[in-house]
């Protein structure tokens, strides 16, 4: 049962394709406690300094959000974005 819950939270929503070989993708889950303004500022900082762009966003009835970010693949290591 615990494995079912873990896979439910890590898989992407239907229709969110990440098969493009030119880009790397990172899914994020934003809890309902994160305000819209705070989320947009944090994502803008990730875009500005790490090259991420917003690909998909889904807002759920409980107020949480699922976000899919992408960036072109590079040979150097760039940390993945976090929203805390």
Protein backbone atom coordinates (compact mmCIF):
# COMPACT_ATOMS: atom_id res chain seq x y z
CA UNK A 1 0.00 0.00 0.00
CA UNK A 2 2.85 2.42 0.79
CA UNK A 3 4.31 1.78 -2.67
CA UNK A 4 1.00 2.74 -4.27
CA UNK A 5 0.95 6.08 -2.43
CA UNK A 6 4.56 6.83 -3.36
CA UNK A 7 3.98 6.13 -7.06
CA UNK A 8 0.77 8.18 -7.03
CA UNK A 9 2.68 11.29 -5.93
CA UNK A 10 5.68 10.84 -8.26
CA UNK A 11 3.98 10.14 -11.57
CA UNK A 12 3.04 12.97 -13.90
CA UNK A 13 -0.54 13.90 -14.74
CA UNK A 14 -1.95 12.45 -17.95
CA UNK A 15 -0.85 14.37 -21.04
CA UNK A 16 2.39 15.75 -19.58
CA UNK A 17 4.94 14.46 -22.07
CA UNK A 18 8.62 14.49 -21.09
CA UNK A 19 10.03 12.40 -23.94
CA UNK A 20 11.88 15.23 -25.75
CA UNK A 21 15.62 14.42 -25.83
CA UNK A 22 16.66 18.08 -26.12
CA UNK A 23 15.22 19.05 -22.72
CA UNK A 24 15.39 17.86 -19.14
CA UNK A 25 12.23 18.04 -17.04
CA UNK A 26 11.52 18.49 -13.34
CA UNK A 27 8.05 18.01 -11.82
CA UNK A 28 7.30 20.01 -8.66
CA UNK A 29 4.39 19.86 -6.26
CA UNK A 30 3.54 23.15 -4.59
CA UNK A 31 1.51 22.75 -1.40
CA UNK A 32 -1.61 24.81 -0.85
CA UNK A 33 0.23 26.88 1.79
CA UNK A 34 2.43 28.43 -0.91
CA UNK A 35 0.72 31.58 -2.17
CA UNK A 36 0.42 32.35 -5.86
CA UNK A 37 2.77 35.33 -5.56
CA UNK A 38 5.37 33.34 -3.63
CA UNK A 39 5.21 30.48 -6.14
CA UNK A 40 5.62 32.84 -9.10
CA UNK A 41 8.61 34.57 -7.48
CA UNK A 42 10.33 31.28 -6.68
CA UNK A 43 9.75 29.93 -10.18
CA UNK A 44 10.97 33.22 -11.70
CA UNK A 45 14.20 32.97 -9.71
CA UNK A 46 14.70 29.39 -10.93
CA UNK A 47 14.13 30.58 -14.49
CA UNK A 48 16.49 33.54 -14.19
CA UNK A 49 19.44 31.80 -12.56
CA UNK A 50 19.10 28.17 -13.68
CA UNK A 51 17.44 28.36 -17.10
CA UNK A 52 14.15 26.65 -16.21
CA UNK A 53 10.94 27.53 -18.04
CA UNK A 54 7.38 26.73 -17.07
CA UNK A 55 5.93 24.03 -19.31
CA UNK A 56 2.77 22.95 -17.48
CA UNK A 57 0.84 23.97 -14.39
CA UNK A 58 -2.19 22.27 -12.88
CA UNK A 59 -4.19 23.75 -10.01
CA UNK A 60 -6.11 21.27 -7.86
CA UNK A 61 -9.33 21.93 -5.90
CA UNK A 62 -7.48 21.73 -2.56
CA UNK A 63 -5.24 24.66 -3.63
CA UNK A 64 -2.10 22.65 -4.36
CA UNK A 65 -0.33 22.93 -7.72
CA UNK A 66 1.67 20.54 -9.89
CA UNK A 67 4.29 22.26 -12.03
CA UNK A 68 6.45 20.91 -14.85
CA UNK A 69 9.63 22.83 -15.60
CA UNK A 70 12.03 22.24 -18.48
CA UNK A 71 15.39 23.50 -19.71
CA UNK A 72 17.75 22.64 -22.52
CA UNK A 73 20.23 19.92 -21.64
CA UNK A 74 23.73 21.15 -20.90
CA UNK A 75 27.02 19.48 -20.06
CA UNK A 76 27.43 21.33 -16.76
CA UNK A 77 25.71 20.55 -13.47
CA UNK A 78 22.96 22.95 -12.47
CA UNK A 79 20.96 22.21 -9.31
CA UNK A 80 17.30 21.34 -9.63
CA UNK A 81 14.77 23.92 -8.39
CA UNK A 82 13.13 23.57 -5.01
CA UNK A 83 10.15 25.33 -3.56
CA UNK A 84 10.21 25.59 0.24
